[in-house]
């Protein structure tokens, strides 16, 4: 996400495609570590957010739309990013907001209500 955010904010900072095997190994190791630590850090906030959004959508079915969950996930992450980067000019801030949106959609995908036919 940081690489994508970097390219979005400054398209001239494109990643060179001529990577070596050592580069790919390092990237794979970094992705594995980021996934493990990121999942551990996000477990409780994502669980709480999923429960709150699930309850809200049970009361108002319009809130069950995946786009709403993506918007709320990104907005909640933006609340944490804005004090550190008010202009949203850093790739890390943009990457975190995108990750929050994606997390919202993933949690919504597996959320079911008692009257769901899906």
PDB file of N, CA and C in Angstrom:
ATOM      1  N   UNK A   1       0.819  -1.194   0.000  1.00  0.00           N
ATOM      2  CA  UNK A   1       0.000   0.000   0.000  1.00  0.00           C
ATOM      3  C   UNK A   1       0.860   1.254   0.000  1.00  0.00           C
ATOM      4  N   UNK A   2       1.996   1.199   0.700  1.00  0.00           N
ATOM      5  CA  UNK A   2       2.872   2.371   0.714  1.00  0.00           C
ATOM      6  C   UNK A   2       3.426   2.635  -0.679  1.00  0.00           C
ATOM      7  N   UNK A   3       3.772   1.578  -1.397  1.00  0.00           N
ATOM      8  CA  UNK A   3       4.283   1.749  -2.761  1.00  0.00           C
ATOM      9  C   UNK A   3       3.216   2.363  -3.659  1.00  0.00           C
ATOM     10  N   UNK A   4       1.976   1.894  -3.540  1.00  0.00           N
ATOM     11  CA  UNK A   4       0.892   2.463  -4.339  1.00  0.00           C
ATOM     12  C   UNK A   4       0.631   3.915  -3.954  1.00  0.00           C
ATOM     13  N   UNK A   5       0.644   4.203  -2.661  1.00  0.00           N
ATOM     14  CA  UNK A   5       0.418   5.574  -2.213  1.00  0.00           C
ATOM     15  C   UNK A   5       1.530   6.505  -2.698  1.00  0.00           C
ATOM     16  N   UNK A   6       2.758   6.015  -2.683  1.00  0.00           N
ATOM     17  CA  UNK A   6       3.882   6.815  -3.177  1.00  0.00           C
ATOM     18  C   UNK A   6       3.692   7.148  -4.649  1.00  0.00           C
ATOM     19  N   UNK A   7       3.282   6.161  -5.433  1.00  0.00           N
ATOM     20  CA  UNK A   7       3.070   6.409  -6.860  1.00  0.00           C
ATOM     21  C   UNK A   7       1.878   7.328  -7.101  1.00  0.00           C
ATOM     22  N   UNK A   8       0.855   7.261  -6.224  1.00  0.00           N
ATOM     23  CA  UNK A   8      -0.294   8.149  -6.386  1.00  0.00           C
ATOM     24  C   UNK A   8       0.076   9.600  -6.071  1.00  0.00           C
ATOM     25  N   UNK A   9       0.858   9.792  -5.013  1.00  0.00           N
ATOM     26  CA  UNK A   9       1.216  11.146  -4.608  1.00  0.00           C
ATOM     27  C   UNK A   9       2.296  11.762  -5.487  1.00  0.00           C
ATOM     28  N   UNK A  10       3.190  10.938  -6.010  1.00  0.00           N
ATOM     29  CA  UNK A  10       4.265  11.416  -6.877  1.00  0.00           C
ATOM     30  C   UNK A  10       4.530  10.370  -7.954  1.00  0.00           C
ATOM     31  N   UNK A  11       3.811  10.451  -9.084  1.00  0.00           N
ATOM     32  CA  UNK A  11       3.952   9.433 -10.123  1.00  0.00           C
ATOM     33  C   UNK A  11       5.375   9.291 -10.664  1.00  0.00           C
ATOM     34  N   UNK A  12       6.212  10.276 -10.465  1.00  0.00           N
ATOM     35  CA  UNK A  12       7.595  10.182 -10.917  1.00  0.00           C
ATOM     36  C   UNK A  12       8.438   9.248 -10.060  1.00  0.00           C
ATOM     37  N   UNK A  13       7.923   8.831  -8.917  1.00  0.00           N
ATOM     38  CA  UNK A  13       8.646   7.937  -8.007  1.00  0.00           C
ATOM     39  C   UNK A  13       8.310   6.476  -8.292  1.00  0.00           C
ATOM     40  N   UNK A  14       8.153   6.111  -9.530  1.00  0.00           N
ATOM     41  CA  UNK A  14       7.793   4.740  -9.891  1.00  0.00           C
ATOM     42  C   UNK A  14       8.878   3.762  -9.458  1.00  0.00           C
ATOM     43  N   UNK A  15       8.462   2.569  -9.120  1.00  0.00           N
ATOM     44  CA  UNK A  15       9.391   1.516  -8.704  1.00  0.00           C
ATOM     45  C   UNK A  15      10.030   0.909  -9.941  1.00  0.00           C
ATOM     46  N   UNK A  16      11.331   0.752  -9.897  1.00  0.00           N
ATOM     47  CA  UNK A  16      12.036   0.139 -11.022  1.00  0.00           C
ATOM     48  C   UNK A  16      11.675  -1.342 -11.119  1.00  0.00           C
ATOM     49  N   UNK A  17      11.337  -1.822 -12.302  1.00  0.00           N
ATOM     50  CA  UNK A  17      10.903  -3.216 -12.437  1.00  0.00           C
ATOM     51  C   UNK A  17      12.034  -4.250 -12.465  1.00  0.00           C
ATOM     52  N   UNK A  18      13.273  -3.820 -12.549  1.00  0.00           N
ATOM     53  CA  UNK A  18      14.376  -4.785 -12.652  1.00  0.00           C
ATOM     54  C   UNK A  18      14.868  -5.173 -11.252  1.00  0.00           C
ATOM     55  N   UNK A  19      14.098  -6.039 -10.593  1.00  0.00           N
ATOM     56  CA  UNK A  19      14.429  -6.508  -9.253  1.00  0.00           C
ATOM     57  C   UNK A  19      15.230  -7.806  -9.332  1.00  0.00           C
ATOM     58  N   UNK A  20      16.125  -7.986  -8.395  1.00  0.00           N
ATOM     59  CA  UNK A  20      16.904  -9.224  -8.336  1.00  0.00           C
ATOM     60  C   UNK A  20      16.197 -10.217  -7.414  1.00  0.00           C
ATOM     61  N   UNK A  21      16.720 -11.427  -7.364  1.00  0.00           N
ATOM     62  CA  UNK A  21      16.161 -12.451  -6.485  1.00  0.00           C
ATOM     63  C   UNK A  21      16.277 -12.029  -5.020  1.00  0.00           C
ATOM     64  N   UNK A  22      17.373 -11.376  -4.675  1.00  0.00           N
ATOM     65  CA  UNK A  22      17.541 -10.875  -3.306  1.00  0.00           C
ATOM     66  C   UNK A  22      16.489  -9.823  -2.972  1.00  0.00           C
ATOM     67  N   UNK A  23      16.175  -8.961  -3.933  1.00  0.00           N
ATOM     68  CA  UNK A  23      15.139  -7.950  -3.718  1.00  0.00           C
ATOM     69  C   UNK A  23      13.788  -8.613  -3.471  1.00  0.00           C
ATOM     70  N   UNK A  24      13.456  -9.585  -4.296  1.00  0.00           N
ATOM     71  CA  UNK A  24      12.178 -10.272  -4.154  1.00  0.00           C
ATOM     72  C   UNK A  24      12.088 -11.042  -2.846  1.00  0.00           C
ATOM     73  N   UNK A  25      13.188 -11.643  -2.425  1.00  0.00           N
ATOM     74  CA  UNK A  25      13.216 -12.357  -1.153  1.00  0.00           C
ATOM     75  C   UNK A  25      12.999 -11.387   0.004  1.00  0.00           C
ATOM     76  N   UNK A  26      13.643 -10.240  -0.052  1.00  0.00           N
ATOM     77  CA  UNK A  26      13.466  -9.225   0.986  1.00  0.00           C
ATOM     78  C   UNK A  26      12.043  -8.701   1.031  1.00  0.00           C
ATOM     79  N   UNK A  27      11.465  -8.482  -0.141  1.00  0.00           N
ATOM     80  CA  UNK A  27      10.078  -8.005  -0.203  1.00  0.00           C
ATOM     81  C   UNK A  27       9.138  -9.058   0.374  1.00  0.00           C
ATOM     82  N   UNK A  28       9.352 -10.323   0.028  1.00  0.00           N
ATOM     83  CA  UNK A  28       8.505 -11.402   0.558  1.00  0.00           C
ATOM     84  C   UNK A  28       8.627 -11.495   2.074  1.00  0.00           C
ATOM     85  N   UNK A  29       9.840 -11.398   2.593  1.00  0.00           N
ATOM     86  CA  UNK A  29      10.035 -11.455   4.045  1.00  0.00           C
ATOM     87  C   UNK A  29       9.363 -10.270   4.731  1.00  0.00           C
ATOM     88  N   UNK A  30       9.482  -9.087   4.133  1.00  0.00           N
ATOM     89  CA  UNK A  30       8.845  -7.897   4.711  1.00  0.00           C
ATOM     90  C   UNK A  30       7.321  -8.037   4.701  1.00  0.00           C
ATOM     91  N   UNK A  31       6.762  -8.594   3.634  1.00  0.00           N
ATOM     92  CA  UNK A  31       5.311  -8.783   3.568  1.00  0.00           C
ATOM     93  C   UNK A  31       4.826  -9.766   4.623  1.00  0.00           C
ATOM     94  N   UNK A  32       5.583 -10.828   4.834  1.00  0.00           N
ATOM     95  CA  UNK A  32       5.203 -11.813   5.850  1.00  0.00           C
ATOM     96  C   UNK A  32       5.230 -11.176   7.234  1.00  0.00           C
ATOM     97  N   UNK A  33       6.294 -10.447   7.542  1.00  0.00           N
ATOM     98  CA  UNK A  33       6.403  -9.806   8.850  1.00  0.00           C
ATOM     99  C   UNK A  33       5.315  -8.741   9.026  1.00  0.00           C
ATOM    100  N   UNK A  34       5.068  -7.947   7.995  1.00  0.00           N
ATOM    101  CA  UNK A  34       4.036  -6.913   8.088  1.00  0.00           C
ATOM    102  C   UNK A  34       2.658  -7.532   8.285  1.00  0.00           C
ATOM    103  N   UNK A  35       2.401  -8.649   7.636  1.00  0.00           N
ATOM    104  CA  UNK A  35       1.117  -9.326   7.788  1.00  0.00           C
ATOM    105  C   UNK A  35       0.945  -9.849   9.205  1.00  0.00           C
ATOM    106  N   UNK A  36       1.979 -10.484   9.741  1.00  0.00           N
ATOM    107  CA  UNK A  36       1.885 -11.033  11.095  1.00  0.00           C
ATOM    108  C   UNK A  36       1.691  -9.936  12.136  1.00  0.00           C
ATOM    109  N   UNK A  37       2.535  -8.933  12.115  1.00  0.00           N
ATOM    110  CA  UNK A  37       2.438  -7.865  13.106  1.00  0.00           C
ATOM    111  C   UNK A  37       1.210  -6.993  12.878  1.00  0.00           C
ATOM    112  N   UNK A  38       0.900  -6.719  11.630  1.00  0.00           N
ATOM    113  CA  UNK A  38      -0.276  -5.903  11.327  1.00  0.00           C
ATOM    114  C   UNK A  38      -1.561  -6.575  11.760  1.00  0.00           C
ATOM    115  N   UNK A  39      -1.665  -7.877  11.535  1.00  0.00           N
ATOM    116  CA  UNK A  39      -2.866  -8.609  11.957  1.00  0.00           C
ATOM    117  C   UNK A  39      -2.993  -8.601  13.478  1.00  0.00           C
ATOM    118  N   UNK A  40      -1.886  -8.774  14.171  1.00  0.00           N
ATOM    119  CA  UNK A  40      -1.924  -8.773  15.633  1.00  0.00           C
ATOM    120  C   UNK A  40      -2.346  -7.405  16.167  1.00  0.00           C
ATOM    121  N   UNK A  41      -1.819  -6.334  15.581  1.00  0.00           N
ATOM    122  CA  UNK A  41      -2.169  -4.983  16.032  1.00  0.00           C
ATOM    123  C   UNK A  41      -3.610  -4.607  15.693  1.00  0.00           C
ATOM    124  N   UNK A  42      -4.111  -5.114  14.578  1.00  0.00           N
ATOM    125  CA  UNK A  42      -5.435  -4.719  14.108  1.00  0.00           C
ATOM    126  C   UNK A  42      -6.558  -5.586  14.651  1.00  0.00           C
ATOM    127  N   UNK A  43      -6.232  -6.691  15.289  1.00  0.00           N
ATOM    128  CA  UNK A  43      -7.257  -7.650  15.697  1.00  0.00           C
ATOM    129  C   UNK A  43      -8.362  -7.014  16.544  1.00  0.00           C
ATOM    130  N   UNK A  44      -8.018  -6.367  17.620  1.00  0.00           N
ATOM    131  CA  UNK A  44      -9.031  -5.814  18.522  1.00  0.00           C
ATOM    132  C   UNK A  44      -9.784  -4.636  17.888  1.00  0.00           C
ATOM    133  N   UNK A  45      -9.100  -3.646  17.285  1.00  0.00           N
ATOM    134  CA  UNK A  45      -9.866  -2.539  16.679  1.00  0.00           C
ATOM    135  C   UNK A  45     -10.792  -2.998  15.551  1.00  0.00           C
ATOM    136  N   UNK A  46     -10.347  -3.939  14.747  1.00  0.00           N
ATOM    137  CA  UNK A  46     -11.195  -4.424  13.651  1.00  0.00           C
ATOM    138  C   UNK A  46     -12.377  -5.200  14.215  1.00  0.00           C
ATOM    139  N   UNK A  47     -12.151  -5.986  15.249  1.00  0.00           N
ATOM    140  CA  UNK A  47     -13.238  -6.736  15.872  1.00  0.00           C
ATOM    141  C   UNK A  47     -14.281  -5.785  16.455  1.00  0.00           C
ATOM    142  N   UNK A  48     -13.820  -4.763  17.174  1.00  0.00           N
ATOM    143  CA  UNK A  48     -14.744  -3.795  17.760  1.00  0.00           C
ATOM    144  C   UNK A  48     -15.507  -3.045  16.663  1.00  0.00           C
ATOM    145  N   UNK A  49     -14.795  -2.603  15.648  1.00  0.00           N
ATOM    146  CA  UNK A  49     -15.446  -1.900  14.540  1.00  0.00           C
ATOM    147  C   UNK A  49     -16.458  -2.774  13.815  1.00  0.00           C
ATOM    148  N   UNK A  50     -16.130  -4.028  13.619  1.00  0.00           N
ATOM    149  CA  UNK A  50     -17.056  -4.953  12.970  1.00  0.00           C
ATOM    150  C   UNK A  50     -18.313  -5.172  13.795  1.00  0.00           C
ATOM    151  N   UNK A  51     -18.143  -5.293  15.114  1.00  0.00           N
ATOM    152  CA  UNK A  51     -19.303  -5.463  15.996  1.00  0.00           C
ATOM    153  C   UNK A  51     -20.185  -4.203  15.975  1.00  0.00           C
ATOM    154  N   UNK A  52     -19.556  -3.027  16.055  1.00  0.00           N
ATOM    155  CA  UNK A  52     -20.334  -1.783  16.050  1.00  0.00           C
ATOM    156  C   UNK A  52     -21.059  -1.575  14.721  1.00  0.00           C
ATOM    157  N   UNK A  53     -20.362  -1.819  13.626  1.00  0.00           N
ATOM    158  CA  UNK A  53     -20.993  -1.653  12.315  1.00  0.00           C
ATOM    159  C   UNK A  53     -22.078  -2.706  12.094  1.00  0.00           C
ATOM    160  N   UNK A  54     -21.838  -3.914  12.570  1.00  0.00           N
ATOM    161  CA  UNK A  54     -22.859  -4.956  12.449  1.00  0.00           C
ATOM    162  C   UNK A  54     -24.122  -4.588  13.206  1.00  0.00           C
ATOM    163  N   UNK A  55     -23.947  -4.047  14.413  1.00  0.00           N
ATOM    164  CA  UNK A  55     -25.099  -3.623  15.216  1.00  0.00           C
ATOM    165  C   UNK A  55     -25.820  -2.464  14.526  1.00  0.00           C
ATOM    166  N   UNK A  56     -25.059  -1.504  14.007  1.00  0.00           N
ATOM    167  CA  UNK A  56     -25.675  -0.360  13.328  1.00  0.00           C
ATOM    168  C   UNK A  56     -26.437  -0.809  12.084  1.00  0.00           C
ATOM    169  N   UNK A  57     -25.867  -1.749  11.336  1.00  0.00           N
ATOM    170  CA  UNK A  57     -26.531  -2.237  10.126  1.00  0.00           C
ATOM    171  C   UNK A  57     -27.763  -3.075  10.466  1.00  0.00           C
ATOM    172  N   UNK A  58     -27.774  -3.726  11.629  1.00  0.00           N
ATOM    173  CA  UNK A  58     -28.961  -4.466  12.041  1.00  0.00           C
ATOM    174  C   UNK A  58     -30.111  -3.495  12.340  1.00  0.00           C
ATOM    175  N   UNK A  59     -29.777  -2.320  12.858  1.00  0.00           N
ATOM    176  CA  UNK A  59     -30.793  -1.316  13.150  1.00  0.00           C
ATOM    177  C   UNK A  59     -31.215  -0.533  11.916  1.00  0.00           C
ATOM    178  N   UNK A  60     -30.282  -0.333  10.985  1.00  0.00           N
ATOM    179  CA  UNK A  60     -30.553   0.407   9.761  1.00  0.00           C
ATOM    180  C   UNK A  60     -29.950  -0.369   8.594  1.00  0.00           C
ATOM    181  N   UNK A  61     -30.747  -1.145   7.851  1.00  0.00           N
ATOM    182  CA  UNK A  61     -30.214  -2.004   6.786  1.00  0.00           C
ATOM    183  C   UNK A  61     -29.435  -1.263   5.702  1.00  0.00           C
ATOM    184  N   UNK A  62     -29.635   0.038   5.561  1.00  0.00           N
ATOM    185  CA  UNK A  62     -28.870   0.802   4.582  1.00  0.00           C
ATOM    186  C   UNK A  62     -27.384   0.840   4.910  1.00  0.00           C
ATOM    187  N   UNK A  63     -27.049   0.658   6.174  1.00  0.00           N
ATOM    188  CA  UNK A  63     -25.653   0.666   6.595  1.00  0.00           C
ATOM    189  C   UNK A  63     -24.950  -0.666   6.335  1.00  0.00           C
ATOM    190  N   UNK A  64     -25.664  -1.630   5.787  1.00  0.00           N
ATOM    191  CA  UNK A  64     -25.054  -2.927   5.502  1.00  0.00           C
ATOM    192  C   UNK A  64     -24.322  -2.937   4.160  1.00  0.00           C
ATOM    193  N   UNK A  65     -24.436  -1.871   3.389  1.00  0.00           N
ATOM    194  CA  UNK A  65     -23.774  -1.832   2.080  1.00  0.00           C
ATOM    195  C   UNK A  65     -22.253  -1.809   2.263  1.00  0.00           C
ATOM    196  N   UNK A  66     -21.526  -2.636   1.495  1.00  0.00           N
ATOM    197  CA  UNK A  66     -20.064  -2.686   1.638  1.00  0.00           C
ATOM    198  C   UNK A  66     -19.369  -1.336   1.452  1.00  0.00           C
ATOM    199  N   UNK A  67     -19.913  -0.465   0.610  1.00  0.00           N
ATOM    200  CA  UNK A  67     -19.290   0.847   0.409  1.00  0.00           C
ATOM    201  C   UNK A  67     -19.328   1.672   1.696  1.00  0.00           C
ATOM    202  N   UNK A  68     -20.398   1.544   2.466  1.00  0.00           N
ATOM    203  CA  UNK A  68     -20.489   2.257   3.739  1.00  0.00           C
ATOM    204  C   UNK A  68     -19.408   1.757   4.685  1.00  0.00           C
ATOM    205  N   UNK A  69     -19.207   0.436   4.706  1.00  0.00           N
ATOM    206  CA  UNK A  69     -18.190  -0.146   5.587  1.00  0.00           C
ATOM    207  C   UNK A  69     -16.799   0.325   5.169  1.00  0.00           C
ATOM    208  N   UNK A  70     -16.562   0.445   3.854  1.00  0.00           N
ATOM    209  CA  UNK A  70     -15.268   0.933   3.367  1.00  0.00           C
ATOM    210  C   UNK A  70     -15.058   2.389   3.768  1.00  0.00           C
ATOM    211  N   UNK A  71     -16.097   3.198   3.635  1.00  0.00           N
ATOM    212  CA  UNK A  71     -15.990   4.611   3.996  1.00  0.00           C
ATOM    213  C   UNK A  71     -15.722   4.760   5.489  1.00  0.00           C
ATOM    214  N   UNK A  72     -16.449   4.014   6.299  1.00  0.00           N
ATOM    215  CA  UNK A  72     -16.267   4.108   7.751  1.00  0.00           C
ATOM    216  C   UNK A  72     -14.878   3.609   8.140  1.00  0.00           C
ATOM    217  N   UNK A  73     -14.416   2.506   7.540  1.00  0.00           N
ATOM    218  CA  UNK A  73     -13.073   2.003   7.837  1.00  0.00           C
ATOM    219  C   UNK A  73     -11.995   3.020   7.505  1.00  0.00           C
ATOM    220  N   UNK A  74     -12.113   3.656   6.355  1.00  0.00           N
ATOM    221  CA  UNK A  74     -11.147   4.688   5.975  1.00  0.00           C
ATOM    222  C   UNK A  74     -11.245   5.920   6.859  1.00  0.00           C
ATOM    223  N   UNK A  75     -12.477   6.301   7.227  1.00  0.00           N
ATOM    224  CA  UNK A  75     -12.665   7.483   8.068  1.00  0.00           C
ATOM    225  C   UNK A  75     -12.097   7.269   9.466  1.00  0.00           C
ATOM    226  N   UNK A  76     -12.306   6.079  10.021  1.00  0.00           N
ATOM    227  CA  UNK A  76     -11.769   5.799  11.350  1.00  0.00           C
ATOM    228  C   UNK A  76     -10.240   5.836  11.315  1.00  0.00           C
ATOM    229  N   UNK A  77      -9.656   5.269  10.278  1.00  0.00           N
ATOM    230  CA  UNK A  77      -8.195   5.300  10.169  1.00  0.00           C
ATOM    231  C   UNK A  77      -7.716   6.735   9.942  1.00  0.00           C
ATOM    232  N   UNK A  78      -8.487   7.520   9.207  1.00  0.00           N
ATOM    233  CA  UNK A  78      -8.106   8.921   8.976  1.00  0.00           C
ATOM    234  C   UNK A  78      -8.080   9.716  10.280  1.00  0.00           C
ATOM    235  N   UNK A  79      -8.955   9.367  11.231  1.00  0.00           N
ATOM    236  CA  UNK A  79      -8.946  10.055  12.517  1.00  0.00           C
ATOM    237  C   UNK A  79      -7.615   9.882  13.228  1.00  0.00           C
ATOM    238  N   UNK A  80      -6.982   8.722  13.032  1.00  0.00           N
ATOM    239  CA  UNK A  80      -5.671   8.505  13.629  1.00  0.00           C
ATOM    240  C   UNK A  80      -4.542   9.120  12.830  1.00  0.00           C
ATOM    241  N   UNK A  81      -4.733   9.255  11.529  1.00  0.00           N
ATOM    242  CA  UNK A  81      -3.677   9.768  10.650  1.00  0.00           C
ATOM    243  C   UNK A  81      -3.663  11.297  10.613  1.00  0.00           C
ATOM    244  N   UNK A  82      -4.817  11.933  10.627  1.00  0.00           N
ATOM    245  CA  UNK A  82      -4.889  13.393  10.461  1.00  0.00           C
ATOM    246  C   UNK A  82      -4.086  14.190  11.485  1.00  0.00           C
ATOM    247  N   UNK A  83      -4.056  13.804  12.766  1.00  0.00           N
ATOM    248  CA  UNK A  83      -3.226  14.582  13.685  1.00  0.00           C
ATOM    249  C   UNK A  83      -1.731  14.534  13.329  1.00  0.00           C
ATOM    250  N   UNK A  84      -1.298  13.467  12.713  1.00  0.00           N
ATOM    251  CA  UNK A  84       0.109  13.319  12.347  1.00  0.00           C
ATOM    252  C   UNK A  84       0.422  13.914  10.975  1.00  0.00           C
ATOM    253  N   UNK A  85      -0.565  13.915  10.089  1.00  0.00           N
ATOM    254  CA  UNK A  85      -0.369  14.384   8.716  1.00  0.00           C
ATOM    255  C   UNK A  85      -1.645  15.093   8.245  1.00  0.00           C
ATOM    256  N   UNK A  86      -1.885  16.339   8.698  1.00  0.00           N
ATOM    257  CA  UNK A  86      -3.145  17.026   8.396  1.00  0.00           C
ATOM    258  C   UNK A  86      -3.429  17.203   6.905  1.00  0.00           C
ATOM    259  N   UNK A  87      -2.405  17.326   6.094  1.00  0.00           N
ATOM    260  CA  UNK A  87      -2.626  17.530   4.663  1.00  0.00           C
ATOM    261  C   UNK A  87      -2.714  16.214   3.895  1.00  0.00           C
ATOM    262  N   UNK A  88      -2.524  15.103   4.571  1.00  0.00           N
ATOM    263  CA  UNK A  88      -2.500  13.777   3.934  1.00  0.00           C
ATOM    264  C   UNK A  88      -1.531  13.745   2.760  1.00  0.00           C
ATOM    265  N   UNK A  89      -0.334  14.233   3.000  1.00  0.00           N
ATOM    266  CA  UNK A  89       0.680  14.267   1.949  1.00  0.00           C
ATOM    267  C   UNK A  89       1.691  13.145   2.062  1.00  0.00           C
ATOM    268  N   UNK A  90       1.619  12.342   3.118  1.00  0.00           N
ATOM    269  CA  UNK A  90       2.597  11.272   3.264  1.00  0.00           C
ATOM    270  C   UNK A  90       2.047   9.968   2.701  1.00  0.00           C
ATOM    271  N   UNK A  91       2.888   9.191   2.045  1.00  0.00           N
ATOM    272  CA  UNK A  91       2.436   7.894   1.543  1.00  0.00           C
ATOM    273  C   UNK A  91       1.949   6.978   2.663  1.00  0.00           C
ATOM    274  N   UNK A  92       2.570   7.047   3.833  1.00  0.00           N
ATOM    275  CA  UNK A  92       2.162   6.189   4.942  1.00  0.00           C
ATOM    276  C   UNK A  92       0.731   6.502   5.375  1.00  0.00           C
ATOM    277  N   UNK A  93       0.389   7.785   5.495  1.00  0.00           N
ATOM    278  CA  UNK A  93      -0.966   8.161   5.884  1.00  0.00           C
ATOM    279  C   UNK A  93      -2.000   7.682   4.885  1.00  0.00           C
ATOM    280  N   UNK A  94      -1.732   7.893   3.611  1.00  0.00           N
ATOM    281  CA  UNK A  94      -2.653   7.455   2.569  1.00  0.00           C
ATOM    282  C   UNK A  94      -2.767   5.934   2.556  1.00  0.00           C
ATOM    283  N   UNK A  95      -1.655   5.243   2.760  1.00  0.00           N
ATOM    284  CA  UNK A  95      -1.665   3.779   2.801  1.00  0.00           C
ATOM    285  C   UNK A  95      -2.477   3.268   3.989  1.00  0.00           C
ATOM    286  N   UNK A  96      -2.368   3.921   5.130  1.00  0.00           N
ATOM    287  CA  UNK A  96      -3.138   3.501   6.299  1.00  0.00           C
ATOM    288  C   UNK A  96      -4.631   3.708   6.086  1.00  0.00           C
ATOM    289  N   UNK A  97      -5.012   4.799   5.475  1.00  0.00           N
ATOM    290  CA  UNK A  97      -6.429   5.052   5.206  1.00  0.00           C
ATOM    291  C   UNK A  97      -6.974   4.026   4.219  1.00  0.00           C
ATOM    292  N   UNK A  98      -6.215   3.709   3.185  1.00  0.00           N
ATOM    293  CA  UNK A  98      -6.640   2.687   2.231  1.00  0.00           C
ATOM    294  C   UNK A  98      -6.756   1.327   2.916  1.00  0.00           C
ATOM    295  N   UNK A  99      -5.832   1.025   3.811  1.00  0.00           N
ATOM    296  CA  UNK A  99      -5.886  -0.233   4.547  1.00  0.00           C
ATOM    297  C   UNK A  99      -7.129  -0.291   5.427  1.00  0.00           C
ATOM    298  N   UNK A 100      -7.497   0.821   6.058  1.00  0.00           N
ATOM    299  CA  UNK A 100      -8.721   0.863   6.854  1.00  0.00           C
ATOM    300  C   UNK A 100      -9.958   0.593   6.010  1.00  0.00           C
ATOM    301  N   UNK A 101      -9.989   1.153   4.817  1.00  0.00           N
ATOM    302  CA  UNK A 101     -11.120   0.920   3.916  1.00  0.00           C
ATOM    303  C   UNK A 101     -11.196  -0.542   3.484  1.00  0.00           C
ATOM    304  N   UNK A 102     -10.070  -1.100   3.141  1.00  0.00           N
ATOM    305  CA  UNK A 102     -10.035  -2.506   2.726  1.00  0.00           C
ATOM    306  C   UNK A 102     -10.437  -3.416   3.882  1.00  0.00           C
ATOM    307  N   UNK A 103      -9.988  -3.093   5.084  1.00  0.00           N
ATOM    308  CA  UNK A 103     -10.362  -3.886   6.259  1.00  0.00           C
ATOM    309  C   UNK A 103     -11.869  -3.844   6.473  1.00  0.00           C
ATOM    310  N   UNK A 104     -12.477  -2.686   6.292  1.00  0.00           N
ATOM    311  CA  UNK A 104     -13.927  -2.579   6.430  1.00  0.00           C
ATOM    312  C   UNK A 104     -14.663  -3.462   5.451  1.00  0.00           C
ATOM    313  N   UNK A 105     -14.202  -3.512   4.220  1.00  0.00           N
ATOM    314  CA  UNK A 105     -14.846  -4.345   3.210  1.00  0.00           C
ATOM    315  C   UNK A 105     -14.658  -5.833   3.528  1.00  0.00           C
ATOM    316  N   UNK A 106     -13.480  -6.200   3.987  1.00  0.00           N
ATOM    317  CA  UNK A 106     -13.221  -7.606   4.327  1.00  0.00           C
ATOM    318  C   UNK A 106     -14.107  -8.047   5.492  1.00  0.00           C
ATOM    319  N   UNK A 107     -14.222  -7.223   6.517  1.00  0.00           N
ATOM    320  CA  UNK A 107     -15.069  -7.571   7.656  1.00  0.00           C
ATOM    321  C   UNK A 107     -16.534  -7.648   7.223  1.00  0.00           C
ATOM    322  N   UNK A 108     -16.966  -6.724   6.389  1.00  0.00           N
ATOM    323  CA  UNK A 108     -18.356  -6.744   5.908  1.00  0.00           C
ATOM    324  C   UNK A 108     -18.646  -8.008   5.115  1.00  0.00           C
ATOM    325  N   UNK A 109     -17.685  -8.489   4.368  1.00  0.00           N
ATOM    326  CA  UNK A 109     -17.884  -9.670   3.534  1.00  0.00           C
ATOM    327  C   UNK A 109     -18.315 -10.872   4.368  1.00  0.00           C
ATOM    328  N   UNK A 110     -17.778 -11.011   5.561  1.00  0.00           N
ATOM    329  CA  UNK A 110     -18.071 -12.177   6.383  1.00  0.00           C
ATOM    330  C   UNK A 110     -19.132 -11.899   7.450  1.00  0.00           C
ATOM    331  N   UNK A 111     -19.770 -10.736   7.401  1.00  0.00           N
ATOM    332  CA  UNK A 111     -20.798 -10.395   8.389  1.00  0.00           C
ATOM    333  C   UNK A 111     -22.160 -10.816   7.858  1.00  0.00           C
ATOM    334  N   UNK A 112     -22.884 -11.553   8.699  1.00  0.00           N
ATOM    335  CA  UNK A 112     -24.236 -11.995   8.333  1.00  0.00           C
ATOM    336  C   UNK A 112     -25.188 -11.612   9.451  1.00  0.00           C
ATOM    337  N   UNK A 113     -26.408 -11.342   9.065  1.00  0.00           N
ATOM    338  CA  UNK A 113     -27.458 -11.045  10.014  1.00  0.00           C
ATOM    339  C   UNK A 113     -28.450 -12.195  10.011  1.00  0.00           C
ATOM    340  N   UNK A 114     -29.243 -12.320  11.042  1.00  0.00           N
ATOM    341  CA  UNK A 114     -30.120 -13.474  11.177  1.00  0.00           C
ATOM    342  C   UNK A 114     -31.149 -13.566  10.055  1.00  0.00           C
ATOM    343  N   UNK A 115     -31.515 -12.455   9.461  1.00  0.00           N
ATOM    344  CA  UNK A 115     -32.497 -12.487   8.379  1.00  0.00           C
ATOM    345  C   UNK A 115     -31.861 -12.491   6.998  1.00  0.00           C
ATOM    346  N   UNK A 116     -30.532 -12.665   6.939  1.00  0.00           N
ATOM    347  CA  UNK A 116     -29.824 -12.715   5.645  1.00  0.00           C
ATOM    348  C   UNK A 116     -30.118 -14.017   4.925  1.00  0.00           C
ATOM    349  N   UNK A 117     -30.316 -13.929   3.636  1.00  0.00           N
ATOM    350  CA  UNK A 117     -30.446 -15.157   2.832  1.00  0.00           C
ATOM    351  C   UNK A 117     -29.104 -15.528   2.226  1.00  0.00           C
ATOM    352  N   UNK A 118     -28.124 -14.610   2.266  1.00  0.00           N
ATOM    353  CA  UNK A 118     -26.810 -14.881   1.661  1.00  0.00           C
ATOM    354  C   UNK A 118     -25.915 -15.667   2.598  1.00  0.00           C
TER     355      UNK A 118
END
